[in-house]
């Protein structure tokens, strides 16, 4: 099974055809998308158009304060239970339960607070506690807007203007990693550290897959190779340092089935959004 997550920036706009092309080339079974601006309007017309273009079924969670998020699945997968979280988050979370041969998979598409480190931490702690499943298959995927506790972010943050640097600092001026630490504390694995590898392929080439297979060995292959940065892209402004802001966080049983996690970097993704997409393969 392949999962792809991507923040497409403000609903994609005139970049949406490129976004659809990237997703179609990757042929994921499950997609989690963030920043679906306007996709809830007019009876969800834009969401239906996107789902039709990708030949997938979509579940959207609108946001009270900011932008919607969604989970999409491709047949033969189906969504048997769905939940929307709109009030507790600056953006939103869309939750979909999908049957698999290994058991029900809970997929949570998340976009955490981009501005306040404290509120981001609170959102992460709530989500991590709510969806912690030591014995079940759970994936929390999306734009966490937070920094990896295992990394040294001093140089990256130093390159940012003060306005944007403050989004990633604790009150005492250290790099804020509390949001991702909250997921770790509840047993979630950051799959970059177990199955991550950078990927570069030329625009216009596909990367077809076979369910349950990959090229990076098993999910116990050690730390990720390459930098894993999901921002900035050629399209991004000056608000981003070269860091990972997008994550795939798995419960222990699902992490054991992770085969490969990759950042999709090419000429198309460099201009399709201000984030690069992530894709992961699982033995499900």
Foldseek 3Di string as FASTA:
>chain_A
DKEKEEEQAQQQVVLVVLVLQQCLLAPGQKYKYWNNHPCPPPPSVVVVVSCVSNQWDKDWAFAPQGGIMIMIGHPPKDFPDWDKAHPLANGIKIWTWIADPVGIEIEIRDAHDQAALVSLLVSLLVVLVVPQDQPDKYKYWYFSNAADPVDDCVVQLVQADPRLSNSQADPVGGGRHNSVVSNVVSAWDFQQQQAEEEDEDEPPHGDDDDALDDDRAWSRNGHHPDQCFFDAALQDDRSGGRGHRITIIIHVVFSRFWHHKYFYDYPSQSNSHRTTMMMTHGRD
